[in-house]
Amino acid sequence: MANKQKICVFDLETDGVDPEKCDPVQIAALMIDPVSLEIIPDSEFNINCKPTKLEKDKDYCYEDSDVLEFHAKVTGSSKDKVLASWREYPKQSASWKMFISYLDKYHTRSSRKNQFSAPIAAGYNINRFDLRILQRLSTKYKNVNKEGNMNIFYPRDVIDIMNILFYWFESNNELEKYTLDHFRDYVGISKEGAHDALKDVQDSAQILIRFLKLHRTLSEKIKFRNSFT
């Protein structure tokens, strides 16, 4: 059955490493056309978010965390500058509303939209991290179905690129680790600007497109019907 749902590759940068507690400071996404398997032109989304800790206490300093040091290293800045920028970001509720509006534009139909017309969620290590954060925010902002599950993505399918790499490399010792940075090194993708959500989304999308096109090419050559008889 050919897929007709658009594929939303997304990524979060956060103010911590615990998906049950941390907040996004950046949300980025883009859309892949399910027919051509190409990035939909002008579909990139990128927005910053003020962590709720700073909404509740503007003087909060993350003293017991290495998160500011990490972001300072990634951006070539200082911890003070990172924190100052976070304090100026839009409120989480405003950024979340814009993200939901963005997803709404890429349903399979323009009327009677619901979760079954929504894009498929895709990304790198999203099952263990990003989707758990989005579930919390969906609950917080009431973007859930009657079972309490988020309704912003197509409910049946999730594409975690880390899982795809396991399928292909689980017997290959050349790939040292399954992290995005290690796979970038392995296939020759530059890490310049890595750990910015938009850069990570762009690279993840290109990796996913390569694998999906490979799967389509191979599936045409394999006989699945009655192969167990």
Protein backbone atom coordinates (compact mmCIF):
# COMPACT_ATOMS: atom_id res chain seq x y z
CA MET A 1 0.00 0.00 0.00
CA ALA A 2 1.66 3.20 -1.18
CA ASN A 3 2.15 5.85 1.48
CA LYS A 4 0.28 9.11 0.87
CA GLN A 5 1.12 10.84 4.17
CA LYS A 6 3.74 13.56 4.04
CA ILE A 7 6.77 12.81 6.21
CA CYS A 8 7.73 15.43 8.80
CA VAL A 9 11.39 15.21 9.82
CA PHE A 10 11.77 17.18 13.05
CA ASP A 11 14.26 17.78 15.84
CA LEU A 12 14.36 19.48 19.21
CA GLU A 13 17.21 21.19 21.01
CA THR A 14 16.49 21.22 24.72
CA ASP A 15 17.52 22.63 28.07
CA GLY A 16 18.23 19.20 29.52
CA VAL A 17 18.65 15.49 28.80
CA ASP A 18 15.63 14.03 30.63
CA PRO A 19 12.71 13.88 28.17
CA GLU A 20 10.25 13.75 31.05
CA LYS A 21 11.44 17.10 32.43
CA CYS A 22 13.34 19.17 29.86
CA ASP A 23 11.90 21.85 27.59
CA PRO A 24 12.66 22.61 23.95
CA VAL A 25 14.68 25.72 23.20
CA GLN A 26 14.47 25.12 19.44
CA ILE A 27 12.04 23.23 17.20
CA ALA A 28 12.95 22.60 13.57
CA ALA A 29 11.22 20.56 10.88
CA LEU A 30 10.83 20.00 7.16
CA MET A 31 8.54 17.91 4.96
CA ILE A 32 9.30 15.08 2.55
CA ASP A 33 6.95 14.41 -0.35
CA PRO A 34 5.77 10.78 -0.07
CA VAL A 35 5.67 10.26 -3.84
CA SER A 36 8.89 11.86 -5.07
CA LEU A 37 10.82 11.36 -1.81
CA GLU A 38 12.19 14.87 -2.13
CA ILE A 39 12.10 17.73 0.36
CA ILE A 40 9.02 19.87 -0.26
CA PRO A 41 10.21 23.34 -1.33
CA ASP A 42 9.93 26.06 1.32
CA SER A 43 8.83 23.53 3.95
CA GLU A 44 11.53 24.28 6.51
CA PHE A 45 10.34 25.36 9.95
CA ASN A 46 12.62 26.74 12.66
CA ILE A 47 11.64 28.48 15.88
CA ASN A 48 13.08 29.09 19.34
CA CYS A 49 11.23 28.60 22.62
CA LYS A 50 11.75 30.02 26.08
CA PRO A 51 12.07 27.19 28.63
CA THR A 52 9.29 27.18 31.21
CA LYS A 53 11.91 27.41 33.99
CA LEU A 54 12.75 30.90 32.70
CA GLU A 55 9.09 31.82 32.30
CA LYS A 56 8.52 31.00 35.96
CA ASP A 57 11.80 32.50 37.22
CA LYS A 58 13.67 34.90 34.93
CA ASP A 59 16.76 34.57 37.15
CA TYR A 60 16.96 30.77 36.91
CA CYS A 61 20.58 29.83 36.12
CA TYR A 62 20.79 26.04 35.53
CA GLU A 63 23.48 25.82 38.21
CA ASP A 64 23.18 22.03 38.62
CA SER A 65 23.37 21.22 34.91
CA ASP A 66 25.96 21.06 32.13
CA VAL A 67 23.39 22.11 29.55
CA LEU A 68 24.61 25.68 29.15
CA GLU A 69 28.20 24.52 28.69
CA PHE A 70 27.05 22.09 25.98
CA HIS A 71 25.11 24.75 24.05
CA ALA A 72 27.94 27.26 24.46
CA LYS A 73 30.40 24.77 22.96
CA VAL A 74 28.07 23.96 20.07
CA THR A 75 27.41 27.61 19.23
CA GLY A 76 30.94 28.87 19.94
CA SER A 77 29.51 31.23 22.53
CA SER A 78 29.54 31.55 26.30
CA LYS A 79 27.18 30.14 28.90
CA ASP A 80 26.06 33.64 29.84
CA LYS A 81 25.22 34.49 26.24
CA VAL A 82 23.31 31.25 25.75
CA LEU A 83 21.25 31.88 28.85
CA ALA A 84 20.65 35.52 27.88
CA SER A 85 19.39 34.41 24.46
CA TRP A 86 17.04 31.86 26.00
CA ARG A 87 15.54 34.58 28.19
CA GLU A 88 14.65 36.53 25.04
CA TYR A 89 13.04 33.65 23.18
CA PRO A 90 9.26 33.61 22.57
CA LYS A 91 7.11 31.95 25.19
CA GLN A 92 6.66 28.23 24.76
CA SER A 93 2.92 28.55 24.17
CA ALA A 94 3.45 30.94 21.25
CA SER A 95 6.14 28.79 19.63
CA TRP A 96 4.07 25.65 20.10
CA LYS A 97 1.07 27.29 18.43
CA MET A 98 3.23 28.14 15.42
CA PHE A 99 4.52 24.57 15.21
CA ILE A 100 0.97 23.20 15.27
CA SER A 101 -0.04 25.66 12.54
CA TYR A 102 2.94 24.53 10.49
CA LEU A 103 1.96 20.85 10.76
CA ASP A 104 -1.62 21.74 9.89
CA LYS A 105 -0.51 22.96 6.45
CA TYR A 106 0.77 19.52 5.47
CA HIS A 107 -2.23 17.28 5.99
CA THR A 108 -3.33 15.04 3.13
CA ARG A 109 -6.57 16.98 2.83
CA SER A 110 -7.57 20.61 3.29
CA SER A 111 -10.88 19.97 5.08
CA ARG A 112 -12.05 17.62 7.81
CA LYS A 113 -8.48 17.31 9.05
CA ASN A 114 -7.68 14.89 11.85
CA GLN A 115 -4.76 12.81 13.03
CA PHE A 116 -5.29 10.34 10.18
CA SER A 117 -4.57 13.06 7.62
CA ALA A 118 -1.57 14.42 9.56
CA PRO A 119 2.08 13.94 8.55
CA ILE A 120 4.14 10.98 9.69
CA ALA A 121 6.65 11.82 12.43
CA ALA A 122 10.26 11.15 11.48
CA GLY A 123 13.65 12.00 12.91
CA TYR A 124 16.77 10.72 14.62
CA ASN A 125 16.33 8.96 17.98
CA ILE A 126 12.85 10.43 18.30
CA ASN A 127 11.29 7.36 19.94
CA ARG A 128 13.45 7.66 23.04
CA PHE A 129 13.62 11.45 23.25
CA ASP A 130 11.83 13.98 21.03
CA LEU A 131 8.45 12.25 20.81
CA ARG A 132 8.28 11.88 24.57
CA ILE A 133 8.72 15.64 24.91
CA LEU A 134 6.11 16.35 22.25
CA GLN A 135 3.68 14.05 24.05
CA ARG A 136 4.10 16.13 27.21
CA LEU A 137 3.58 19.38 25.32
CA SER A 138 0.61 17.97 23.42
CA THR A 139 -0.97 17.04 26.73
CA LYS A 140 -0.18 20.45 28.18
CA TYR A 141 -1.70 22.33 25.25
CA LYS A 142 -4.56 19.86 24.68
CA ASN A 143 -3.44 18.53 21.30
CA VAL A 144 -4.48 14.98 22.20
CA ASN A 145 -7.09 12.43 21.17
CA LYS A 146 -9.65 10.80 23.44
CA GLU A 147 -7.05 8.27 24.62
CA GLY A 148 -4.74 11.09 25.71
CA ASN A 149 -2.19 10.47 22.95
CA MET A 150 -0.93 13.39 20.89
CA ASN A 151 -2.90 13.91 17.69
CA ILE A 152 -0.47 16.13 15.79
CA PHE A 153 1.05 13.28 13.75
CA TYR A 154 -0.32 10.28 11.87
CA PRO A 155 -0.94 7.73 14.64
CA ARG A 156 0.12 4.44 13.04
CA ASP A 157 3.64 5.06 11.78
CA VAL A 158 6.81 6.60 13.20
CA ILE A 159 10.11 6.65 11.32
CA ASP A 160 13.12 6.67 13.64
CA ILE A 161 16.26 6.79 11.50
CA MET A 162 18.33 5.26 14.30
CA ASN A 163 16.19 2.12 13.97
CA ILE A 164 16.79 2.05 10.22
CA LEU A 165 20.54 2.14 10.84
CA PHE A 166 20.24 -0.81 13.20
CA TYR A 167 18.44 -2.85 10.54
CA TRP A 168 21.27 -2.24 8.08
CA PHE A 169 24.31 -2.27 10.36
CA GLU A 170 23.49 -4.70 13.17
CA SER A 171 26.06 -7.15 11.77
CA ASN A 172 28.55 -4.53 10.54
CA ASN A 173 31.38 -3.52 12.87
CA GLU A 174 32.43 -0.56 10.72
CA LEU A 175 29.83 1.74 12.29
CA GLU A 176 31.15 2.34 15.80
CA LYS A 177 27.99 3.89 17.25
CA TYR A 178 24.48 4.69 16.09
CA THR A 179 24.62 8.40 16.93
CA LEU A 180 23.94 10.94 14.21
CA ASP A 181 27.46 12.37 14.55
CA HIS A 182 29.06 8.96 14.08
CA PHE A 183 26.93 8.25 11.04
CA ARG A 184 27.79 11.65 9.58
CA ASP A 185 31.46 10.73 9.85
CA TYR A 186 30.81 7.30 8.37
CA VAL A 187 29.04 8.54 5.23
CA GLY A 188 30.91 11.83 4.81
CA ILE A 189 28.39 14.43 5.95
CA SER A 190 29.94 17.55 7.46
CA LYS A 191 29.36 18.09 11.17
CA GLU A 192 29.82 21.85 10.87
CA GLY A 193 26.86 23.46 12.62
CA ALA A 194 25.75 20.14 14.13
CA HIS A 195 23.39 20.15 17.12
CA ASP A 196 21.49 23.07 15.70
CA ALA A 197 18.02 21.63 15.19
CA LEU A 198 17.69 22.86 11.60
CA LYS A 199 21.08 21.43 10.55
CA ASP A 200 20.23 18.12 12.22
CA VAL A 201 16.85 18.04 10.46
CA GLN A 202 18.40 18.76 7.07
CA ASP A 203 20.99 15.99 7.48
CA SER A 204 18.46 13.53 8.89
CA ALA A 205 16.13 14.17 5.97
CA GLN A 206 18.86 13.49 3.42
CA ILE A 207 19.79 10.24 5.19
CA LEU A 208 16.15 9.14 5.35
CA ILE A 209 15.54 9.95 1.69
CA ARG A 210 18.57 7.85 0.68
CA PHE A 211 17.33 4.85 2.66
CA LEU A 212 13.72 5.13 1.49
CA LYS A 213 14.83 5.30 -2.13
CA LEU A 214 17.08 2.30 -1.54
CA HIS A 215 14.19 0.38 0.01
CA ARG A 216 11.98 1.13 -2.98
CA THR A 217 14.64 0.01 -5.44
CA LEU A 218 15.27 -3.26 -3.60
CA SER A 219 11.60 -4.04 -2.94
CA GLU A 220 10.88 -4.02 -6.67
CA LYS A 221 13.39 -6.84 -7.11
CA ILE A 222 12.25 -9.07 -4.26
CA LYS A 223 9.35 -11.49 -4.42
CA PHE A 224 7.40 -11.21 -1.20
CA ARG A 225 4.09 -12.76 -2.27
CA ASN A 226 3.87 -16.44 -1.24
CA SER A 227 7.55 -16.42 -0.28
CA PHE A 228 6.82 -18.52 2.85
CA THR A 229 5.05 -21.30 0.95
